[in-house]
Amino acid sequence: MVSALGGLLRYSIKGGNLEALEVELKCVEKYIFLQRARFGDRLDFSASVDDALLPLPVPKLGLLSLVENSIVHGMRDSAQRVHIRVECGIQGEDARICVCDDGSGIAPERLEELRRTLEAAPVVLSQSIGLGNLASRLRILYKGRARMRIESSRAAPSHTAVELLIPMEELRNAQDTDR
């Protein structure tokens, strides 16, 4: 646990806005390891990743923040087991990165508020809305061409899915400029 925590801390202070998806996934695995120590069998995790995406740059700590949201909000008000799934693949001309959970879901009014935040201003910097911050980073890092979508339901079966769609061309260009 100490090794995992140390790795997370080193990663979080390391410079740069972008990191290879493979490195970001290893950071997520360390985070999940620590959270499993906390939640035990209540937390289940899986990942399905297209190997072609592993070397490409994604927003540093972006995937981790989505997984953290799934744990914090998906496990809130529930003693049930929550499964968090990370899916990374190529969909047409885009890389698709999705974090899904079968946790408690988001209330409809809060979901609409989140969607407005994601679409509203070209740059949103807020300490209280991590999704807004990530959406802003996506706009800046990928020249406004990346998109973020969120779906959720509290009705059975409850779920939440946050999807990032980043043009493959932008990922390849970002790799050349940030390294």
C-alpha atoms as a PDB file:
ATOM      1  CA  MET A   1       0.000   0.000   0.000  1.00  0.00           C
ATOM      2  CA  VAL A   2       2.839   2.381   0.806  1.00  0.00           C
ATOM      3  CA  SER A   3       4.455   1.648  -2.556  1.00  0.00           C
ATOM      4  CA  ALA A   4       1.170   2.293  -4.398  1.00  0.00           C
ATOM      5  CA  LEU A   5       0.593   5.531  -2.494  1.00  0.00           C
ATOM      6  CA  GLY A   6       4.157   6.680  -3.151  1.00  0.00           C
ATOM      7  CA  GLY A   7       3.747   5.935  -6.856  1.00  0.00           C
ATOM      8  CA  LEU A   8       0.533   7.968  -6.989  1.00  0.00           C
ATOM      9  CA  LEU A   9       2.128  10.905  -5.219  1.00  0.00           C
ATOM     10  CA  ARG A  10       5.181  10.885  -7.517  1.00  0.00           C
ATOM     11  CA  TYR A  11       2.938  10.712 -10.568  1.00  0.00           C
ATOM     12  CA  SER A  12       0.729  13.581  -9.394  1.00  0.00           C
ATOM     13  CA  ILE A  13       3.645  15.996  -8.925  1.00  0.00           C
ATOM     14  CA  LYS A  14       5.485  15.012 -12.107  1.00  0.00           C
ATOM     15  CA  GLY A  15       5.256  17.823 -14.666  1.00  0.00           C
ATOM     16  CA  GLY A  16       3.336  17.909 -17.914  1.00  0.00           C
ATOM     17  CA  ASN A  17      -0.285  18.073 -18.993  1.00  0.00           C
ATOM     18  CA  LEU A  18      -0.300  14.867 -21.001  1.00  0.00           C
ATOM     19  CA  GLU A  19       0.749  11.307 -20.271  1.00  0.00           C
ATOM     20  CA  ALA A  20       0.642   8.095 -22.265  1.00  0.00           C
ATOM     21  CA  LEU A  21      -2.597   6.209 -21.695  1.00  0.00           C
ATOM     22  CA  GLU A  22      -0.545   3.224 -20.565  1.00  0.00           C
ATOM     23  CA  VAL A  23       1.029   5.258 -17.748  1.00  0.00           C
ATOM     24  CA  GLU A  24      -2.333   6.749 -16.777  1.00  0.00           C
ATOM     25  CA  LEU A  25      -3.837   3.239 -16.578  1.00  0.00           C
ATOM     26  CA  LYS A  26      -1.027   2.077 -14.274  1.00  0.00           C
ATOM     27  CA  CYS A  27      -1.785   5.032 -12.029  1.00  0.00           C
ATOM     28  CA  VAL A  28      -5.473   4.062 -12.014  1.00  0.00           C
ATOM     29  CA  GLU A  29      -4.522   0.497 -11.048  1.00  0.00           C
ATOM     30  CA  LYS A  30      -2.541   1.796  -8.053  1.00  0.00           C
ATOM     31  CA  TYR A  31      -5.493   3.943  -7.040  1.00  0.00           C
ATOM     32  CA  ILE A  32      -7.882   0.985  -7.326  1.00  0.00           C
ATOM     33  CA  PHE A  33      -5.498  -1.139  -5.245  1.00  0.00           C
ATOM     34  CA  LEU A  34      -5.665   1.453  -2.461  1.00  0.00           C
ATOM     35  CA  GLN A  35      -9.447   1.807  -2.716  1.00  0.00           C
ATOM     36  CA  ARG A  36      -9.920  -1.972  -2.560  1.00  0.00           C
ATOM     37  CA  ALA A  37      -8.072  -1.908   0.749  1.00  0.00           C
ATOM     38  CA  ARG A  38     -10.727   0.547   1.896  1.00  0.00           C
ATOM     39  CA  PHE A  39     -13.869  -0.970   0.340  1.00  0.00           C
ATOM     40  CA  GLY A  40     -12.900  -4.639   0.028  1.00  0.00           C
ATOM     41  CA  ASP A  41     -15.333  -6.750  -1.967  1.00  0.00           C
ATOM     42  CA  ARG A  42     -17.674  -3.788  -2.479  1.00  0.00           C
ATOM     43  CA  LEU A  43     -15.409  -2.507  -5.273  1.00  0.00           C
ATOM     44  CA  ASP A  44     -14.936  -4.388  -8.518  1.00  0.00           C
ATOM     45  CA  PHE A  45     -12.837  -3.053 -11.420  1.00  0.00           C
ATOM     46  CA  SER A  46     -12.106  -4.085 -14.976  1.00  0.00           C
ATOM     47  CA  ALA A  47     -10.468  -2.495 -18.000  1.00  0.00           C
ATOM     48  CA  SER A  48     -10.677  -3.188 -21.710  1.00  0.00           C
ATOM     49  CA  VAL A  49      -8.083  -1.258 -23.700  1.00  0.00           C
ATOM     50  CA  ASP A  50      -7.126  -1.278 -27.382  1.00  0.00           C
ATOM     51  CA  ASP A  51      -3.334  -1.664 -27.425  1.00  0.00           C
ATOM     52  CA  ALA A  52      -3.052   0.891 -30.251  1.00  0.00           C
ATOM     53  CA  LEU A  53      -4.087   3.621 -27.784  1.00  0.00           C
ATOM     54  CA  LEU A  54      -1.572   2.792 -25.039  1.00  0.00           C
ATOM     55  CA  PRO A  55       1.276   5.080 -26.217  1.00  0.00           C
ATOM     56  CA  LEU A  56      -0.990   8.025 -27.067  1.00  0.00           C
ATOM     57  CA  PRO A  57      -1.180  11.067 -24.767  1.00  0.00           C
ATOM     58  CA  VAL A  58      -4.242  11.720 -22.645  1.00  0.00           C
ATOM     59  CA  PRO A  59      -4.815  14.433 -20.025  1.00  0.00           C
ATOM     60  CA  LYS A  60      -2.719  13.549 -17.003  1.00  0.00           C
ATOM     61  CA  LEU A  61      -4.907  12.483 -14.053  1.00  0.00           C
ATOM     62  CA  GLY A  62      -8.012  12.756 -16.262  1.00  0.00           C
ATOM     63  CA  LEU A  63      -8.838   9.052 -16.324  1.00  0.00           C
ATOM     64  CA  LEU A  64      -7.970   8.813 -12.648  1.00  0.00           C
ATOM     65  CA  SER A  65     -10.419  11.622 -11.806  1.00  0.00           C
ATOM     66  CA  LEU A  66     -13.212   9.815 -13.676  1.00  0.00           C
ATOM     67  CA  VAL A  67     -12.508   6.587 -11.787  1.00  0.00           C
ATOM     68  CA  GLU A  68     -12.385   8.526  -8.521  1.00  0.00           C
ATOM     69  CA  ASN A  69     -15.788  10.083  -9.336  1.00  0.00           C
ATOM     70  CA  SER A  70     -17.211   6.602  -9.906  1.00  0.00           C
ATOM     71  CA  ILE A  71     -16.007   5.516  -6.481  1.00  0.00           C
ATOM     72  CA  VAL A  72     -16.973   8.650  -4.574  1.00  0.00           C
ATOM     73  CA  HIS A  73     -20.377   9.170  -6.182  1.00  0.00           C
ATOM     74  CA  GLY A  74     -21.222   5.647  -7.342  1.00  0.00           C
ATOM     75  CA  MET A  75     -20.690   4.102  -3.922  1.00  0.00           C
ATOM     76  CA  ARG A  76     -22.388   6.922  -2.051  1.00  0.00           C
ATOM     77  CA  ASP A  77     -25.563   5.947  -0.229  1.00  0.00           C
ATOM     78  CA  SER A  78     -25.119   2.283  -1.085  1.00  0.00           C
ATOM     79  CA  ALA A  79     -23.733  -0.783   0.616  1.00  0.00           C
ATOM     80  CA  GLN A  80     -23.968  -2.739  -2.652  1.00  0.00           C
ATOM     81  CA  ARG A  81     -21.009  -3.910  -4.688  1.00  0.00           C
ATOM     82  CA  VAL A  82     -20.082  -1.423  -7.429  1.00  0.00           C
ATOM     83  CA  HIS A  83     -18.365  -2.448 -10.647  1.00  0.00           C
ATOM     84  CA  ILE A  84     -16.276   0.200 -12.398  1.00  0.00           C
ATOM     85  CA  ARG A  85     -15.277  -0.478 -15.982  1.00  0.00           C
ATOM     86  CA  VAL A  86     -12.769   1.449 -18.093  1.00  0.00           C
ATOM     87  CA  GLU A  87     -13.168   1.029 -21.845  1.00  0.00           C
ATOM     88  CA  CYS A  88     -10.628   2.491 -24.267  1.00  0.00           C
ATOM     89  CA  GLY A  89     -10.977   1.836 -27.974  1.00  0.00           C
ATOM     90  CA  ILE A  90     -11.138   3.359 -31.422  1.00  0.00           C
ATOM     91  CA  GLN A  91     -14.557   4.435 -32.668  1.00  0.00           C
ATOM     92  CA  GLY A  92     -14.427   5.731 -36.227  1.00  0.00           C
ATOM     93  CA  GLU A  93     -11.898   8.586 -36.287  1.00  0.00           C
ATOM     94  CA  ASP A  94     -11.943   9.011 -32.498  1.00  0.00           C
ATOM     95  CA  ALA A  95     -10.369   7.433 -29.466  1.00  0.00           C
ATOM     96  CA  ARG A  96     -13.164   6.558 -27.069  1.00  0.00           C
ATOM     97  CA  ILE A  97     -12.346   6.509 -23.371  1.00  0.00           C
ATOM     98  CA  CYS A  98     -15.252   5.626 -21.133  1.00  0.00           C
ATOM     99  CA  VAL A  99     -15.566   5.082 -17.399  1.00  0.00           C
ATOM    100  CA  CYS A 100     -18.783   3.296 -16.471  1.00  0.00           C
ATOM    101  CA  ASP A 101     -20.137   2.187 -13.128  1.00  0.00           C
ATOM    102  CA  ASP A 102     -23.246   0.461 -11.878  1.00  0.00           C
ATOM    103  CA  GLY A 103     -23.382   2.578  -8.752  1.00  0.00           C
ATOM    104  CA  SER A 104     -26.181   4.779  -7.468  1.00  0.00           C
ATOM    105  CA  GLY A 105     -26.468   7.014 -10.554  1.00  0.00           C
ATOM    106  CA  ILE A 106     -27.019  10.761 -10.758  1.00  0.00           C
ATOM    107  CA  ALA A 107     -30.291  12.553 -10.052  1.00  0.00           C
ATOM    108  CA  PRO A 108     -31.851  13.919 -13.284  1.00  0.00           C
ATOM    109  CA  GLU A 109     -31.627  17.580 -12.218  1.00  0.00           C
ATOM    110  CA  ARG A 110     -27.958  17.185 -11.234  1.00  0.00           C
ATOM    111  CA  LEU A 111     -27.237  15.385 -14.517  1.00  0.00           C
ATOM    112  CA  GLU A 112     -28.680  18.309 -16.497  1.00  0.00           C
ATOM    113  CA  GLU A 113     -26.626  20.749 -14.420  1.00  0.00           C
ATOM    114  CA  LEU A 114     -23.465  18.738 -15.170  1.00  0.00           C
ATOM    115  CA  ARG A 115     -24.264  18.639 -18.884  1.00  0.00           C
ATOM    116  CA  ARG A 116     -24.764  22.417 -18.968  1.00  0.00           C
ATOM    117  CA  THR A 117     -21.433  22.887 -17.182  1.00  0.00           C
ATOM    118  CA  LEU A 118     -19.671  20.673 -19.715  1.00  0.00           C
ATOM    119  CA  GLU A 119     -21.137  22.534 -22.685  1.00  0.00           C
ATOM    120  CA  ALA A 120     -21.374  26.106 -21.372  1.00  0.00           C
ATOM    121  CA  ALA A 121     -18.184  28.098 -21.223  1.00  0.00           C
ATOM    122  CA  PRO A 122     -15.150  27.404 -23.392  1.00  0.00           C
ATOM    123  CA  VAL A 123     -13.027  27.269 -20.247  1.00  0.00           C
ATOM    124  CA  VAL A 124     -14.385  26.380 -16.829  1.00  0.00           C
ATOM    125  CA  LEU A 125     -12.007  26.385 -13.909  1.00  0.00           C
ATOM    126  CA  SER A 126     -13.627  25.349 -10.699  1.00  0.00           C
ATOM    127  CA  GLN A 127     -12.426  23.468  -7.665  1.00  0.00           C
ATOM    128  CA  SER A 128     -15.851  21.998  -7.049  1.00  0.00           C
ATOM    129  CA  ILE A 129     -16.579  20.444 -10.442  1.00  0.00           C
ATOM    130  CA  GLY A 130     -13.888  18.026 -11.589  1.00  0.00           C
ATOM    131  CA  LEU A 131     -15.795  17.143 -14.759  1.00  0.00           C
ATOM    132  CA  GLY A 132     -15.893  20.806 -15.775  1.00  0.00           C
ATOM    133  CA  ASN A 133     -12.167  21.092 -15.220  1.00  0.00           C
ATOM    134  CA  LEU A 134     -11.499  17.988 -17.311  1.00  0.00           C
ATOM    135  CA  ALA A 135     -13.797  19.245 -20.085  1.00  0.00           C
ATOM    136  CA  SER A 136     -11.857  22.525 -20.123  1.00  0.00           C
ATOM    137  CA  ARG A 137      -8.538  20.709 -20.300  1.00  0.00           C
ATOM    138  CA  LEU A 138      -9.821  18.617 -23.206  1.00  0.00           C
ATOM    139  CA  ARG A 139     -10.823  21.792 -25.098  1.00  0.00           C
ATOM    140  CA  ILE A 140      -7.420  23.349 -24.546  1.00  0.00           C
ATOM    141  CA  LEU A 141      -5.243  20.267 -25.150  1.00  0.00           C
ATOM    142  CA  TYR A 142      -7.082  19.057 -28.259  1.00  0.00           C
ATOM    143  CA  LYS A 143      -7.985  22.414 -29.854  1.00  0.00           C
ATOM    144  CA  GLY A 144     -11.684  22.198 -29.076  1.00  0.00           C
ATOM    145  CA  ARG A 145     -12.134  18.961 -31.019  1.00  0.00           C
ATOM    146  CA  ALA A 146     -12.505  16.566 -28.050  1.00  0.00           C
ATOM    147  CA  ARG A 147     -15.933  15.903 -26.579  1.00  0.00           C
ATOM    148  CA  MET A 148     -17.200  14.691 -23.230  1.00  0.00           C
ATOM    149  CA  ARG A 149     -20.586  13.069 -22.680  1.00  0.00           C
ATOM    150  CA  ILE A 150     -22.256  11.859 -19.541  1.00  0.00           C
ATOM    151  CA  GLU A 151     -25.155   9.447 -19.173  1.00  0.00           C
ATOM    152  CA  SER A 152     -26.694   8.269 -15.933  1.00  0.00           C
ATOM    153  CA  SER A 153     -29.808   6.770 -14.443  1.00  0.00           C
ATOM    154  CA  ARG A 154     -30.973   6.136 -10.915  1.00  0.00           C
ATOM    155  CA  ALA A 155     -33.684   3.773 -12.138  1.00  0.00           C
ATOM    156  CA  ALA A 156     -32.797   0.086 -12.065  1.00  0.00           C
ATOM    157  CA  PRO A 157     -30.346  -0.835 -13.323  1.00  0.00           C
ATOM    158  CA  SER A 158     -28.634   2.329 -12.072  1.00  0.00           C
ATOM    159  CA  HIS A 159     -25.472   3.415 -13.851  1.00  0.00           C
ATOM    160  CA  THR A 160     -23.246   6.298 -14.869  1.00  0.00           C
ATOM    161  CA  ALA A 161     -20.994   6.538 -17.917  1.00  0.00           C
ATOM    162  CA  VAL A 162     -18.614   9.376 -18.737  1.00  0.00           C
ATOM    163  CA  GLU A 163     -17.268   9.182 -22.263  1.00  0.00           C
ATOM    164  CA  LEU A 164     -14.381  11.109 -23.802  1.00  0.00           C
ATOM    165  CA  LEU A 165     -14.110  11.225 -27.587  1.00  0.00           C
ATOM    166  CA  ILE A 166     -10.791  12.552 -28.831  1.00  0.00           C
ATOM    167  CA  PRO A 167      -9.920  12.638 -32.542  1.00  0.00           C
ATOM    168  CA  MET A 168      -7.064  10.204 -33.232  1.00  0.00           C
ATOM    169  CA  GLU A 169      -5.383  12.922 -35.311  1.00  0.00           C
ATOM    170  CA  GLU A 170      -5.302  15.242 -32.282  1.00  0.00           C
ATOM    171  CA  LEU A 171      -3.910  12.478 -30.054  1.00  0.00           C
ATOM    172  CA  ARG A 172      -1.090  11.831 -32.513  1.00  0.00           C
ATOM    173  CA  ASN A 173      -0.359  15.568 -32.857  1.00  0.00           C
ATOM    174  CA  ALA A 174      -0.370  16.059 -29.083  1.00  0.00           C
ATOM    175  CA  GLN A 175       2.116  13.212 -28.758  1.00  0.00           C
ATOM    176  CA  ASP A 176       4.507  15.046 -31.044  1.00  0.00           C
ATOM    177  CA  THR A 177       4.223  18.400 -29.260  1.00  0.00           C
ATOM    178  CA  ASP A 178       4.142  17.498 -25.559  1.00  0.00           C
ATOM    179  CA  ARG A 179       7.047  15.074 -25.339  1.00  0.00           C
END
